[in-house]
Amino acid sequence: MFTALYELLIGKNPDPTYRNTVFTPVGLLTVVIMLALAATFYLLLGRWQAVFHRTSHWIITLVVALIIAFSLAVSYAKDATGEPEADSYMLGFGGVNLILAGLLFFGFSLLFRRGSKFARYTPF
């Protein structure tokens, strides 16, 4: 599933390492991390106190999530391929993973915000 999505958006790479060992673990880790961050924001912090509930807090959490997603994709691809520097394909992969993470975090936000006491109307 993730292989088809990433290859659709960034194209195929002649190196089979991406297809065999990079795309699926990075995609699954991205889903798990975005799920954990959204759950933490809404179900832990959003129910604890009326301190961390504004749209600006949500944006900060989103930016942290996007940085994590981009860094995860690039570093995982560098480690798997053994390249010392990130090439343009790795950066494109990181960018696509960043977009995927943003969509996932937004979707999980819509799902979890009902369970929040103080952040029920965040980000809207």
PDB file of N, CA and C in Angstrom:
ATOM      1  N   MET A   1       0.818  -1.189   0.000  1.00  0.00           N
ATOM      2  CA  MET A   1       0.000   0.000   0.000  1.00  0.00           C
ATOM      3  C   MET A   1       0.866   1.259   0.000  1.00  0.00           C
ATOM      4  N   PHE A   2       1.806   1.333   0.929  1.00  0.00           N
ATOM      5  CA  PHE A   2       2.657   2.514   0.998  1.00  0.00           C
ATOM      6  C   PHE A   2       3.589   2.601  -0.212  1.00  0.00           C
ATOM      7  N   THR A   3       4.049   1.457  -0.679  1.00  0.00           N
ATOM      8  CA  THR A   3       4.928   1.453  -1.846  1.00  0.00           C
ATOM      9  C   THR A   3       4.218   2.066  -3.042  1.00  0.00           C
ATOM     10  N   ALA A   4       2.998   1.659  -3.285  1.00  0.00           N
ATOM     11  CA  ALA A   4       2.235   2.194  -4.415  1.00  0.00           C
ATOM     12  C   ALA A   4       2.000   3.691  -4.248  1.00  0.00           C
ATOM     13  N   LEU A   5       1.689   4.127  -3.053  1.00  0.00           N
ATOM     14  CA  LEU A   5       1.434   5.544  -2.799  1.00  0.00           C
ATOM     15  C   LEU A   5       2.692   6.377  -3.028  1.00  0.00           C
ATOM     16  N   TYR A   6       3.804   5.957  -2.435  1.00  0.00           N
ATOM     17  CA  TYR A   6       5.041   6.722  -2.595  1.00  0.00           C
ATOM     18  C   TYR A   6       5.515   6.726  -4.048  1.00  0.00           C
ATOM     19  N   GLU A   7       5.438   5.579  -4.718  1.00  0.00           N
ATOM     20  CA  GLU A   7       5.889   5.522  -6.108  1.00  0.00           C
ATOM     21  C   GLU A   7       4.976   6.324  -7.028  1.00  0.00           C
ATOM     22  N   LEU A   8       3.710   6.403  -6.705  1.00  0.00           N
ATOM     23  CA  LEU A   8       2.792   7.219  -7.482  1.00  0.00           C
ATOM     24  C   LEU A   8       3.172   8.699  -7.388  1.00  0.00           C
ATOM     25  N   LEU A   9       3.560   9.120  -6.197  1.00  0.00           N
ATOM     26  CA  LEU A   9       3.829  10.544  -5.974  1.00  0.00           C
ATOM     27  C   LEU A   9       5.258  10.972  -6.307  1.00  0.00           C
ATOM     28  N   ILE A  10       6.246  10.088  -6.137  1.00  0.00           N
ATOM     29  CA  ILE A  10       7.623  10.492  -6.420  1.00  0.00           C
ATOM     30  C   ILE A  10       8.274   9.689  -7.526  1.00  0.00           C
ATOM     31  N   GLY A  11       7.585   8.704  -8.030  1.00  0.00           N
ATOM     32  CA  GLY A  11       8.139   7.896  -9.111  1.00  0.00           C
ATOM     33  C   GLY A  11       8.954   6.727  -8.580  1.00  0.00           C
ATOM     34  N   LYS A  12       9.229   5.794  -9.477  1.00  0.00           N
ATOM     35  CA  LYS A  12      10.007   4.616  -9.094  1.00  0.00           C
ATOM     36  C   LYS A  12      11.481   4.961  -9.058  1.00  0.00           C
ATOM     37  N   ASN A  13      12.180   4.311  -8.169  1.00  0.00           N
ATOM     38  CA  ASN A  13      13.632   4.454  -8.075  1.00  0.00           C
ATOM     39  C   ASN A  13      14.240   3.153  -8.568  1.00  0.00           C
ATOM     40  N   PRO A  14      15.315   3.233  -9.364  1.00  0.00           N
ATOM     41  CA  PRO A  14      15.922   1.990  -9.845  1.00  0.00           C
ATOM     42  C   PRO A  14      16.517   1.137  -8.722  1.00  0.00           C
ATOM     43  N   ASP A  15      16.788   1.740  -7.575  1.00  0.00           N
ATOM     44  CA  ASP A  15      17.320   0.999  -6.432  1.00  0.00           C
ATOM     45  C   ASP A  15      16.171   0.239  -5.755  1.00  0.00           C
ATOM     46  N   PRO A  16      16.197  -1.092  -5.747  1.00  0.00           N
ATOM     47  CA  PRO A  16      15.088  -1.852  -5.143  1.00  0.00           C
ATOM     48  C   PRO A  16      15.021  -1.733  -3.625  1.00  0.00           C
ATOM     49  N   THR A  17      16.006  -1.117  -3.013  1.00  0.00           N
ATOM     50  CA  THR A  17      16.013  -0.964  -1.556  1.00  0.00           C
ATOM     51  C   THR A  17      14.789  -0.182  -1.084  1.00  0.00           C
ATOM     52  N   TYR A  18      14.425   0.851  -1.822  1.00  0.00           N
ATOM     53  CA  TYR A  18      13.262   1.648  -1.423  1.00  0.00           C
ATOM     54  C   TYR A  18      12.005   0.784  -1.409  1.00  0.00           C
ATOM     55  N   ARG A  19      11.803   0.056  -2.469  1.00  0.00           N
ATOM     56  CA  ARG A  19      10.606  -0.776  -2.605  1.00  0.00           C
ATOM     57  C   ARG A  19      10.595  -1.906  -1.571  1.00  0.00           C
ATOM     58  N   ASN A  20      11.748  -2.500  -1.328  1.00  0.00           N
ATOM     59  CA  ASN A  20      11.819  -3.685  -0.473  1.00  0.00           C
ATOM     60  C   ASN A  20      11.934  -3.382   1.017  1.00  0.00           C
ATOM     61  N   THR A  21      12.647  -2.305   1.382  1.00  0.00           N
ATOM     62  CA  THR A  21      12.934  -2.111   2.809  1.00  0.00           C
ATOM     63  C   THR A  21      12.672  -0.719   3.366  1.00  0.00           C
ATOM     64  N   VAL A  22      12.267   0.226   2.542  1.00  0.00           N
ATOM     65  CA  VAL A  22      12.117   1.588   3.049  1.00  0.00           C
ATOM     66  C   VAL A  22      10.657   2.028   3.125  1.00  0.00           C
ATOM     67  N   PHE A  23       9.919   1.890   2.044  1.00  0.00           N
ATOM     68  CA  PHE A  23       8.588   2.486   1.969  1.00  0.00           C
ATOM     69  C   PHE A  23       7.613   1.978   3.032  1.00  0.00           C
ATOM     70  N   THR A  24       7.500   0.699   3.198  1.00  0.00           N
ATOM     71  CA  THR A  24       6.518   0.152   4.145  1.00  0.00           C
ATOM     72  C   THR A  24       6.832   0.489   5.600  1.00  0.00           C
ATOM     73  N   PRO A  25       8.078   0.288   6.069  1.00  0.00           N
ATOM     74  CA  PRO A  25       8.346   0.659   7.473  1.00  0.00           C
ATOM     75  C   PRO A  25       8.172   2.148   7.752  1.00  0.00           C
ATOM     76  N   VAL A  26       8.605   2.987   6.815  1.00  0.00           N
ATOM     77  CA  VAL A  26       8.458   4.430   7.027  1.00  0.00           C
ATOM     78  C   VAL A  26       6.982   4.812   7.041  1.00  0.00           C
ATOM     79  N   GLY A  27       6.199   4.260   6.142  1.00  0.00           N
ATOM     80  CA  GLY A  27       4.769   4.553   6.124  1.00  0.00           C
ATOM     81  C   GLY A  27       4.078   4.119   7.408  1.00  0.00           C
ATOM     82  N   LEU A  28       4.385   2.914   7.872  1.00  0.00           N
ATOM     83  CA  LEU A  28       3.775   2.424   9.120  1.00  0.00           C
ATOM     84  C   LEU A  28       4.212   3.249  10.326  1.00  0.00           C
ATOM     85  N   LEU A  29       5.497   3.576  10.393  1.00  0.00           N
ATOM     86  CA  LEU A  29       5.982   4.409  11.501  1.00  0.00           C
ATOM     87  C   LEU A  29       5.337   5.793  11.478  1.00  0.00           C
ATOM     88  N   THR A  30       5.135   6.326  10.294  1.00  0.00           N
ATOM     89  CA  THR A  30       4.499   7.638  10.182  1.00  0.00           C
ATOM     90  C   THR A  30       3.065   7.583  10.705  1.00  0.00           C
ATOM     91  N   VAL A  31       2.333   6.556  10.355  1.00  0.00           N
ATOM     92  CA  VAL A  31       0.960   6.410  10.853  1.00  0.00           C
ATOM     93  C   VAL A  31       0.957   6.298  12.370  1.00  0.00           C
ATOM     94  N   VAL A  32       1.823   5.468  12.921  1.00  0.00           N
ATOM     95  CA  VAL A  32       1.868   5.269  14.376  1.00  0.00           C
ATOM     96  C   VAL A  32       2.265   6.550  15.104  1.00  0.00           C
ATOM     97  N   ILE A  33       3.251   7.257  14.589  1.00  0.00           N
ATOM     98  CA  ILE A  33       3.709   8.493  15.245  1.00  0.00           C
ATOM     99  C   ILE A  33       2.627   9.566  15.187  1.00  0.00           C
ATOM    100  N   MET A  34       1.966   9.725  14.047  1.00  0.00           N
ATOM    101  CA  MET A  34       0.908  10.734  13.941  1.00  0.00           C
ATOM    102  C   MET A  34      -0.274  10.377  14.844  1.00  0.00           C
ATOM    103  N   LEU A  35      -0.583   9.098  14.931  1.00  0.00           N
ATOM    104  CA  LEU A  35      -1.639   8.639  15.839  1.00  0.00           C
ATOM    105  C   LEU A  35      -1.281   8.957  17.288  1.00  0.00           C
ATOM    106  N   ALA A  36      -0.045   8.686  17.658  1.00  0.00           N
ATOM    107  CA  ALA A  36       0.407   8.948  19.029  1.00  0.00           C
ATOM    108  C   ALA A  36       0.422  10.441  19.344  1.00  0.00           C
ATOM    109  N   LEU A  37       0.883  11.260  18.415  1.00  0.00           N
ATOM    110  CA  LEU A  37       0.915  12.705  18.662  1.00  0.00           C
ATOM    111  C   LEU A  37      -0.486  13.292  18.776  1.00  0.00           C
ATOM    112  N   ALA A  38      -1.386  12.889  17.891  1.00  0.00           N
ATOM    113  CA  ALA A  38      -2.756  13.402  17.966  1.00  0.00           C
ATOM    114  C   ALA A  38      -3.445  12.925  19.246  1.00  0.00           C
ATOM    115  N   ALA A  39      -3.239  11.667  19.604  1.00  0.00           N
ATOM    116  CA  ALA A  39      -3.833  11.153  20.837  1.00  0.00           C
ATOM    117  C   ALA A  39      -3.272  11.873  22.052  1.00  0.00           C
ATOM    118  N   THR A  40      -1.983  12.141  22.046  1.00  0.00           N
ATOM    119  CA  THR A  40      -1.370  12.866  23.162  1.00  0.00           C
ATOM    120  C   THR A  40      -1.939  14.272  23.267  1.00  0.00           C
ATOM    121  N   PHE A  41      -2.066  14.954  22.127  1.00  0.00           N
ATOM    122  CA  PHE A  41      -2.579  16.326  22.140  1.00  0.00           C
ATOM    123  C   PHE A  41      -4.012  16.374  22.669  1.00  0.00           C
ATOM    124  N   TYR A  42      -4.873  15.505  22.167  1.00  0.00           N
ATOM    125  CA  TYR A  42      -6.294  15.591  22.511  1.00  0.00           C
ATOM    126  C   TYR A  42      -6.685  14.802  23.755  1.00  0.00           C
ATOM    127  N   LEU A  43      -6.175  13.595  23.882  1.00  0.00           N
ATOM    128  CA  LEU A  43      -6.656  12.729  24.957  1.00  0.00           C
ATOM    129  C   LEU A  43      -5.843  12.865  26.239  1.00  0.00           C
ATOM    130  N   LEU A  44      -4.619  13.319  26.143  1.00  0.00           N
ATOM    131  CA  LEU A  44      -3.809  13.503  27.343  1.00  0.00           C
ATOM    132  C   LEU A  44      -3.777  14.977  27.747  1.00  0.00           C
ATOM    133  N   LEU A  45      -3.206  15.796  26.890  1.00  0.00           N
ATOM    134  CA  LEU A  45      -3.089  17.222  27.215  1.00  0.00           C
ATOM    135  C   LEU A  45      -4.431  17.944  27.148  1.00  0.00           C
ATOM    136  N   GLY A  46      -5.285  17.547  26.217  1.00  0.00           N
ATOM    137  CA  GLY A  46      -6.585  18.198  26.057  1.00  0.00           C
ATOM    138  C   GLY A  46      -7.588  17.846  27.130  1.00  0.00           C
ATOM    139  N   ARG A  47      -7.300  16.847  27.920  1.00  0.00           N
ATOM    140  CA  ARG A  47      -8.185  16.485  29.023  1.00  0.00           C
ATOM    141  C   ARG A  47      -7.582  16.847  30.379  1.00  0.00           C
ATOM    142  N   TRP A  48      -6.307  17.199  30.379  1.00  0.00           N
ATOM    143  CA  TRP A  48      -5.595  17.435  31.622  1.00  0.00           C
ATOM    144  C   TRP A  48      -5.948  18.791  32.212  1.00  0.00           C
ATOM    145  N   GLN A  49      -5.595  19.871  31.500  1.00  0.00           N
ATOM    146  CA  GLN A  49      -5.871  21.233  31.961  1.00  0.00           C
ATOM    147  C   GLN A  49      -6.138  22.116  30.750  1.00  0.00           C
ATOM    148  N   ALA A  50      -6.766  23.236  30.993  1.00  0.00           N
ATOM    149  CA  ALA A  50      -7.028  24.191  29.907  1.00  0.00           C
ATOM    150  C   ALA A  50      -5.785  25.039  29.667  1.00  0.00           C
ATOM    151  N   VAL A  51      -4.685  24.386  29.376  1.00  0.00           N
ATOM    152  CA  VAL A  51      -3.424  25.090  29.159  1.00  0.00           C
ATOM    153  C   VAL A  51      -2.964  24.925  27.719  1.00  0.00           C
ATOM    154  N   PHE A  52      -3.120  23.737  27.182  1.00  0.00           N
ATOM    155  CA  PHE A  52      -2.569  23.404  25.873  1.00  0.00           C
ATOM    156  C   PHE A  52      -3.722  23.084  24.920  1.00  0.00           C
ATOM    157  N   HIS A  53      -4.530  24.125  24.587  1.00  0.00           N
ATOM    158  CA  HIS A  53      -5.737  23.856  23.812  1.00  0.00           C
ATOM    159  C   HIS A  53      -5.988  24.830  22.662  1.00  0.00           C
ATOM    160  N   ARG A  54      -5.149  25.790  22.480  1.00  0.00           N
ATOM    161  CA  ARG A  54      -5.373  26.804  21.435  1.00  0.00           C
ATOM    162  C   ARG A  54      -4.920  26.309  20.064  1.00  0.00           C
ATOM    163  N   THR A  55      -5.376  26.996  19.037  1.00  0.00           N
ATOM    164  CA  THR A  55      -4.974  26.643  17.675  1.00  0.00           C
ATOM    165  C   THR A  55      -3.471  26.797  17.494  1.00  0.00           C
ATOM    166  N   SER A  56      -2.876  27.763  18.139  1.00  0.00           N
ATOM    167  CA  SER A  56      -1.419  27.932  18.037  1.00  0.00           C
ATOM    168  C   SER A  56      -0.684  26.719  18.607  1.00  0.00           C
ATOM    169  N   HIS A  57      -1.219  26.134  19.660  1.00  0.00           N
ATOM    170  CA  HIS A  57      -0.615  24.917  20.222  1.00  0.00           C
ATOM    171  C   HIS A  57      -0.741  23.753  19.239  1.00  0.00           C
ATOM    172  N   TRP A  58      -1.891  23.674  18.583  1.00  0.00           N
ATOM    173  CA  TRP A  58      -2.094  22.622  17.598  1.00  0.00           C
ATOM    174  C   TRP A  58      -1.129  22.790  16.430  1.00  0.00           C
ATOM    175  N   ILE A  59      -0.918  24.019  16.000  1.00  0.00           N
ATOM    176  CA  ILE A  59       0.013  24.286  14.893  1.00  0.00           C
ATOM    177  C   ILE A  59       1.437  23.918  15.294  1.00  0.00           C
ATOM    178  N   ILE A  60       1.823  24.230  16.509  1.00  0.00           N
ATOM    179  CA  ILE A  60       3.157  23.850  16.988  1.00  0.00           C
ATOM    180  C   ILE A  60       3.302  22.332  16.973  1.00  0.00           C
ATOM    181  N   THR A  61       2.280  21.620  17.438  1.00  0.00           N
ATOM    182  CA  THR A  61       2.312  20.161  17.428  1.00  0.00           C
ATOM    183  C   THR A  61       2.372  19.633  16.002  1.00  0.00           C
ATOM    184  N   LEU A  62       1.636  20.255  15.096  1.00  0.00           N
ATOM    185  CA  LEU A  62       1.665  19.867  13.685  1.00  0.00           C
ATOM    186  C   LEU A  62       3.050  20.065  13.085  1.00  0.00           C
ATOM    187  N   VAL A  63       3.682  21.196  13.365  1.00  0.00           N
ATOM    188  CA  VAL A  63       5.023  21.466  12.834  1.00  0.00           C
ATOM    189  C   VAL A  63       6.020  20.442  13.371  1.00  0.00           C
ATOM    190  N   VAL A  64       5.937  20.119  14.652  1.00  0.00           N
ATOM    191  CA  VAL A  64       6.811  19.089  15.226  1.00  0.00           C
ATOM    192  C   VAL A  64       6.571  17.753  14.526  1.00  0.00           C
ATOM    193  N   ALA A  65       5.311  17.422  14.283  1.00  0.00           N
ATOM    194  CA  ALA A  65       4.978  16.169  13.601  1.00  0.00           C
ATOM    195  C   ALA A  65       5.548  16.146  12.188  1.00  0.00           C
ATOM    196  N   LEU A  66       5.470  17.253  11.482  1.00  0.00           N
ATOM    197  CA  LEU A  66       5.988  17.318  10.115  1.00  0.00           C
ATOM    198  C   LEU A  66       7.507  17.203  10.082  1.00  0.00           C
ATOM    199  N   ILE A  67       8.171  17.821  11.030  1.00  0.00           N
ATOM    200  CA  ILE A  67       9.633  17.710  11.115  1.00  0.00           C
ATOM    201  C   ILE A  67      10.034  16.263  11.395  1.00  0.00           C
ATOM    202  N   ILE A  68       9.325  15.626  12.306  1.00  0.00           N
ATOM    203  CA  ILE A  68       9.607  14.221  12.618  1.00  0.00           C
ATOM    204  C   ILE A  68       9.414  13.353  11.376  1.00  0.00           C
ATOM    205  N   ALA A  69       8.322  13.559  10.646  1.00  0.00           N
ATOM    206  CA  ALA A  69       8.018  12.741   9.470  1.00  0.00           C
ATOM    207  C   ALA A  69       9.072  12.919   8.379  1.00  0.00           C
ATOM    208  N   PHE A  70       9.481  14.144   8.121  1.00  0.00           N
ATOM    209  CA  PHE A  70      10.502  14.397   7.097  1.00  0.00           C
ATOM    210  C   PHE A  70      11.832  13.777   7.508  1.00  0.00           C
ATOM    211  N   SER A  71      12.221  14.008   8.743  1.00  0.00           N
ATOM    212  CA  SER A  71      13.497  13.480   9.237  1.00  0.00           C
ATOM    213  C   SER A  71      13.507  11.957   9.245  1.00  0.00           C
ATOM    214  N   LEU A  72      12.401  11.361   9.636  1.00  0.00           N
ATOM    215  CA  LEU A  72      12.293   9.910   9.659  1.00  0.00           C
ATOM    216  C   LEU A  72      12.503   9.326   8.263  1.00  0.00           C
ATOM    217  N   ALA A  73      11.838   9.889   7.280  1.00  0.00           N
ATOM    218  CA  ALA A  73      11.938   9.359   5.917  1.00  0.00           C
ATOM    219  C   ALA A  73      13.347   9.491   5.363  1.00  0.00           C
ATOM    220  N   VAL A  74      13.947  10.647   5.525  1.00  0.00           N
ATOM    221  CA  VAL A  74      15.289  10.871   4.964  1.00  0.00           C
ATOM    222  C   VAL A  74      16.325  10.023   5.690  1.00  0.00           C
ATOM    223  N   SER A  75      16.280   9.994   7.009  1.00  0.00           N
ATOM    224  CA  SER A  75      17.293   9.226   7.744  1.00  0.00           C
ATOM    225  C   SER A  75      17.129   7.720   7.519  1.00  0.00           C
ATOM    226  N   TYR A  76      15.896   7.237   7.442  1.00  0.00           N
ATOM    227  CA  TYR A  76      15.667   5.816   7.188  1.00  0.00           C
ATOM    228  C   TYR A  76      16.164   5.443   5.799  1.00  0.00           C
ATOM    229  N   ALA A  77      15.908   6.292   4.816  1.00  0.00           N
ATOM    230  CA  ALA A  77      16.370   6.021   3.449  1.00  0.00           C
ATOM    231  C   ALA A  77      17.899   6.071   3.369  1.00  0.00           C
ATOM    232  N   LYS A  78      18.511   7.024   4.055  1.00  0.00           N
ATOM    233  CA  LYS A  78      19.977   7.089   4.060  1.00  0.00           C
ATOM    234  C   LYS A  78      20.580   5.846   4.687  1.00  0.00           C
ATOM    235  N   ASP A  79      20.033   5.415   5.792  1.00  0.00           N
ATOM    236  CA  ASP A  79      20.556   4.214   6.463  1.00  0.00           C
ATOM    237  C   ASP A  79      20.368   2.961   5.615  1.00  0.00           C
ATOM    238  N   ALA A  80      19.207   2.830   4.998  1.00  0.00           N
ATOM    239  CA  ALA A  80      18.914   1.622   4.223  1.00  0.00           C
ATOM    240  C   ALA A  80      19.752   1.538   2.952  1.00  0.00           C
ATOM    241  N   THR A  81      19.999   2.675   2.313  1.00  0.00           N
ATOM    242  CA  THR A  81      20.766   2.670   1.060  1.00  0.00           C
ATOM    243  C   THR A  81      22.259   2.775   1.301  1.00  0.00           C
ATOM    244  N   GLY A  82      22.670   3.219   2.470  1.00  0.00           N
ATOM    245  CA  GLY A  82      24.086   3.366   2.772  1.00  0.00           C
ATOM    246  C   GLY A  82      24.722   4.604   2.165  1.00  0.00           C
ATOM    247  N   GLU A  83      23.910   5.509   1.694  1.00  0.00           N
ATOM    248  CA  GLU A  83      24.419   6.755   1.105  1.00  0.00           C
ATOM    249  C   GLU A  83      24.869   7.708   2.214  1.00  0.00           C
ATOM    250  N   PRO A  84      26.009   8.369   2.015  1.00  0.00           N
ATOM    251  CA  PRO A  84      26.472   9.309   3.039  1.00  0.00           C
ATOM    252  C   PRO A  84      25.706  10.637   3.039  1.00  0.00           C
ATOM    253  N   GLU A  85      25.173  11.010   1.900  1.00  0.00           N
ATOM    254  CA  GLU A  85      24.430  12.273   1.760  1.00  0.00           C
ATOM    255  C   GLU A  85      23.041  11.982   1.219  1.00  0.00           C
ATOM    256  N   ALA A  86      22.103  12.848   1.557  1.00  0.00           N
ATOM    257  CA  ALA A  86      20.747  12.713   1.032  1.00  0.00           C
ATOM    258  C   ALA A  86      20.719  13.223  -0.406  1.00  0.00           C
ATOM    259  N   ASP A  87      20.183  12.413  -1.304  1.00  0.00           N
ATOM    260  CA  ASP A  87      20.055  12.833  -2.693  1.00  0.00           C
ATOM    261  C   ASP A  87      18.653  13.405  -2.935  1.00  0.00           C
ATOM    262  N   SER A  88      18.373  13.808  -4.154  1.00  0.00           N
ATOM    263  CA  SER A  88      17.098  14.459  -4.452  1.00  0.00           C
ATOM    264  C   SER A  88      15.915  13.506  -4.284  1.00  0.00           C
ATOM    265  N   TYR A  89      16.109  12.226  -4.555  1.00  0.00           N
ATOM    266  CA  TYR A  89      15.020  11.268  -4.372  1.00  0.00           C
ATOM    267  C   TYR A  89      14.670  11.129  -2.898  1.00  0.00           C
ATOM    268  N   MET A  90      15.680  11.101  -2.044  1.00  0.00           N
ATOM    269  CA  MET A  90      15.433  11.015  -0.601  1.00  0.00           C
ATOM    270  C   MET A  90      14.696  12.246  -0.099  1.00  0.00           C
ATOM    271  N   LEU A  91      15.093  13.410  -0.588  1.00  0.00           N
ATOM    272  CA  LEU A  91      14.423  14.636  -0.161  1.00  0.00           C
ATOM    273  C   LEU A  91      12.982  14.670  -0.667  1.00  0.00           C
ATOM    274  N   GLY A  92      12.763  14.187  -1.891  1.00  0.00           N
ATOM    275  CA  GLY A  92      11.400  14.092  -2.399  1.00  0.00           C
ATOM    276  C   GLY A  92      10.560  13.109  -1.587  1.00  0.00           C
ATOM    277  N   PHE A  93      11.179  12.004  -1.224  1.00  0.00           N
ATOM    278  CA  PHE A  93      10.514  11.020  -0.371  1.00  0.00           C
ATOM    279  C   PHE A  93      10.169  11.645   0.980  1.00  0.00           C
ATOM    280  N   GLY A  94      11.101  12.411   1.536  1.00  0.00           N
ATOM    281  CA  GLY A  94      10.830  13.104   2.796  1.00  0.00           C
ATOM    282  C   GLY A  94       9.692  14.099   2.659  1.00  0.00           C
ATOM    283  N   GLY A  95       9.646  14.800   1.536  1.00  0.00           N
ATOM    284  CA  GLY A  95       8.563  15.759   1.295  1.00  0.00           C
ATOM    285  C   GLY A  95       7.204  15.085   1.172  1.00  0.00           C
ATOM    286  N   VAL A  96       7.153  13.971   0.467  1.00  0.00           N
ATOM    287  CA  VAL A  96       5.900  13.233   0.333  1.00  0.00           C
ATOM    288  C   VAL A  96       5.477  12.669   1.683  1.00  0.00           C
ATOM    289  N   ASN A  97       6.430  12.189   2.467  1.00  0.00           N
ATOM    290  CA  ASN A  97       6.100  11.684   3.799  1.00  0.00           C
ATOM    291  C   ASN A  97       5.617  12.815   4.701  1.00  0.00           C
ATOM    292  N   LEU A  98       6.162  13.990   4.537  1.00  0.00           N
ATOM    293  CA  LEU A  98       5.716  15.170   5.283  1.00  0.00           C
ATOM    294  C   LEU A  98       4.256  15.469   4.962  1.00  0.00           C
ATOM    295  N   ILE A  99       3.898  15.436   3.688  1.00  0.00           N
ATOM    296  CA  ILE A  99       2.511  15.697   3.280  1.00  0.00           C
ATOM    297  C   ILE A  99       1.585  14.610   3.826  1.00  0.00           C
ATOM    298  N   LEU A 100       2.006  13.365   3.718  1.00  0.00           N
ATOM    299  CA  LEU A 100       1.218  12.258   4.265  1.00  0.00           C
ATOM    300  C   LEU A 100       1.010  12.434   5.767  1.00  0.00           C
ATOM    301  N   ALA A 101       2.060  12.812   6.466  1.00  0.00           N
ATOM    302  CA  ALA A 101       1.962  13.010   7.914  1.00  0.00           C
ATOM    303  C   ALA A 101       0.999  14.141   8.249  1.00  0.00           C
ATOM    304  N   GLY A 102       1.036  15.209   7.494  1.00  0.00           N
ATOM    305  CA  GLY A 102       0.110  16.315   7.729  1.00  0.00           C
ATOM    306  C   GLY A 102      -1.338  15.893   7.559  1.00  0.00           C
ATOM    307  N   LEU A 103      -1.603  15.125   6.515  1.00  0.00           N
ATOM    308  CA  LEU A 103      -2.963  14.638   6.289  1.00  0.00           C
ATOM    309  C   LEU A 103      -3.400  13.677   7.394  1.00  0.00           C
ATOM    310  N   LEU A 104      -2.493  12.795   7.790  1.00  0.00           N
ATOM    311  CA  LEU A 104      -2.817  11.860   8.870  1.00  0.00           C
ATOM    312  C   LEU A 104      -3.071  12.578  10.189  1.00  0.00           C
ATOM    313  N   PHE A 105      -2.213  13.550  10.528  1.00  0.00           N
ATOM    314  CA  PHE A 105      -2.385  14.276  11.784  1.00  0.00           C
ATOM    315  C   PHE A 105      -3.711  15.033  11.783  1.00  0.00           C
ATOM    316  N   PHE A 106      -4.053  15.634  10.660  1.00  0.00           N
ATOM    317  CA  PHE A 106      -5.321  16.352  10.563  1.00  0.00           C
ATOM    318  C   PHE A 106      -6.491  15.380  10.721  1.00  0.00           C
ATOM    319  N   GLY A 107      -6.424  14.242  10.055  1.00  0.00           N
ATOM    320  CA  GLY A 107      -7.487  13.246  10.166  1.00  0.00           C
ATOM    321  C   GLY A 107      -7.630  12.701  11.575  1.00  0.00           C
ATOM    322  N   PHE A 108      -6.503  12.389  12.204  1.00  0.00           N
ATOM    323  CA  PHE A 108      -6.556  11.904  13.581  1.00  0.00           C
ATOM    324  C   PHE A 108      -7.045  13.000  14.530  1.00  0.00           C
ATOM    325  N   SER A 109      -6.762  14.245  14.209  1.00  0.00           N
ATOM    326  CA  SER A 109      -7.261  15.356  15.022  1.00  0.00           C
ATOM    327  C   SER A 109      -8.781  15.396  14.993  1.00  0.00           C
ATOM    328  N   LEU A 110      -9.339  15.225  13.803  1.00  0.00           N
ATOM    329  CA  LEU A 110     -10.799  15.207  13.701  1.00  0.00           C
ATOM    330  C   LEU A 110     -11.395  14.041  14.472  1.00  0.00           C
ATOM    331  N   LEU A 111     -10.688  12.935  14.489  1.00  0.00           N
ATOM    332  CA  LEU A 111     -11.165  11.743  15.193  1.00  0.00           C
ATOM    333  C   LEU A 111     -11.092  11.903  16.717  1.00  0.00           C
ATOM    334  N   PHE A 112      -9.980  12.423  17.210  1.00  0.00           N
ATOM    335  CA  PHE A 112      -9.744  12.470  18.653  1.00  0.00           C
ATOM    336  C   PHE A 112     -10.301  13.698  19.354  1.00  0.00           C
ATOM    337  N   ARG A 113     -10.606  14.731  18.637  1.00  0.00           N
ATOM    338  CA  ARG A 113     -11.001  15.966  19.319  1.00  0.00           C
ATOM    339  C   ARG A 113     -12.306  15.823  20.094  1.00  0.00           C
ATOM    340  N   ARG A 114     -13.137  14.892  19.722  1.00  0.00           N
ATOM    341  CA  ARG A 114     -14.379  14.651  20.476  1.00  0.00           C
ATOM    342  C   ARG A 114     -14.107  14.131  21.882  1.00  0.00           C
ATOM    343  N   GLY A 115     -12.960  13.489  22.058  1.00  0.00           N
ATOM    344  CA  GLY A 115     -12.612  12.944  23.362  1.00  0.00           C
ATOM    345  C   GLY A 115     -11.879  13.921  24.253  1.00  0.00           C
ATOM    346  N   SER A 116     -11.661  15.128  23.760  1.00  0.00           N
ATOM    347  CA  SER A 116     -10.943  16.129  24.533  1.00  0.00           C
ATOM    348  C   SER A 116     -11.914  17.011  25.311  1.00  0.00           C
ATOM    349  N   LYS A 117     -11.506  17.379  26.487  1.00  0.00           N
ATOM    350  CA  LYS A 117     -12.342  18.248  27.314  1.00  0.00           C
ATOM    351  C   LYS A 117     -12.111  19.724  26.963  1.00  0.00           C
ATOM    352  N   PHE A 118     -10.843  20.104  26.790  1.00  0.00           N
ATOM    353  CA  PHE A 118     -10.522  21.512  26.563  1.00  0.00           C
ATOM    354  C   PHE A 118     -10.178  21.841  25.119  1.00  0.00           C
ATOM    355  N   ALA A 119      -9.746  20.870  24.340  1.00  0.00           N
ATOM    356  CA  ALA A 119      -9.339  21.133  22.960  1.00  0.00           C
ATOM    357  C   ALA A 119     -10.367  20.600  21.966  1.00  0.00           C
ATOM    358  N   ARG A 120     -11.605  20.544  22.366  1.00  0.00           N
ATOM    359  CA  ARG A 120     -12.669  20.002  21.527  1.00  0.00           C
ATOM    360  C   ARG A 120     -12.854  20.794  20.226  1.00  0.00           C
ATOM    361  N   TYR A 121     -12.588  22.081  20.237  1.00  0.00           N
ATOM    362  CA  TYR A 121     -12.799  22.922  19.051  1.00  0.00           C
ATOM    363  C   TYR A 121     -11.484  23.348  18.393  1.00  0.00           C
ATOM    364  N   THR A 122     -10.410  22.700  18.771  1.00  0.00           N
ATOM    365  CA  THR A 122      -9.118  22.992  18.164  1.00  0.00           C
ATOM    366  C   THR A 122      -8.915  22.016  17.038  1.00  0.00           C
ATOM    367  N   PRO A 123      -8.517  22.388  15.877  1.00  0.00           N
ATOM    368  CA  PRO A 123      -7.946  23.631  15.418  1.00  0.00           C
ATOM    369  C   PRO A 123      -8.958  24.632  14.885  1.00  0.00           C
ATOM    370  N   PHE A 124     -10.236  24.304  14.873  1.00  0.00           N
ATOM    371  CA  PHE A 124     -11.203  25.237  14.272  1.00  0.00           C
ATOM    372  C   PHE A 124     -11.876  26.087  15.317  1.00  0.00           C
TER     373      PHE A 124
END
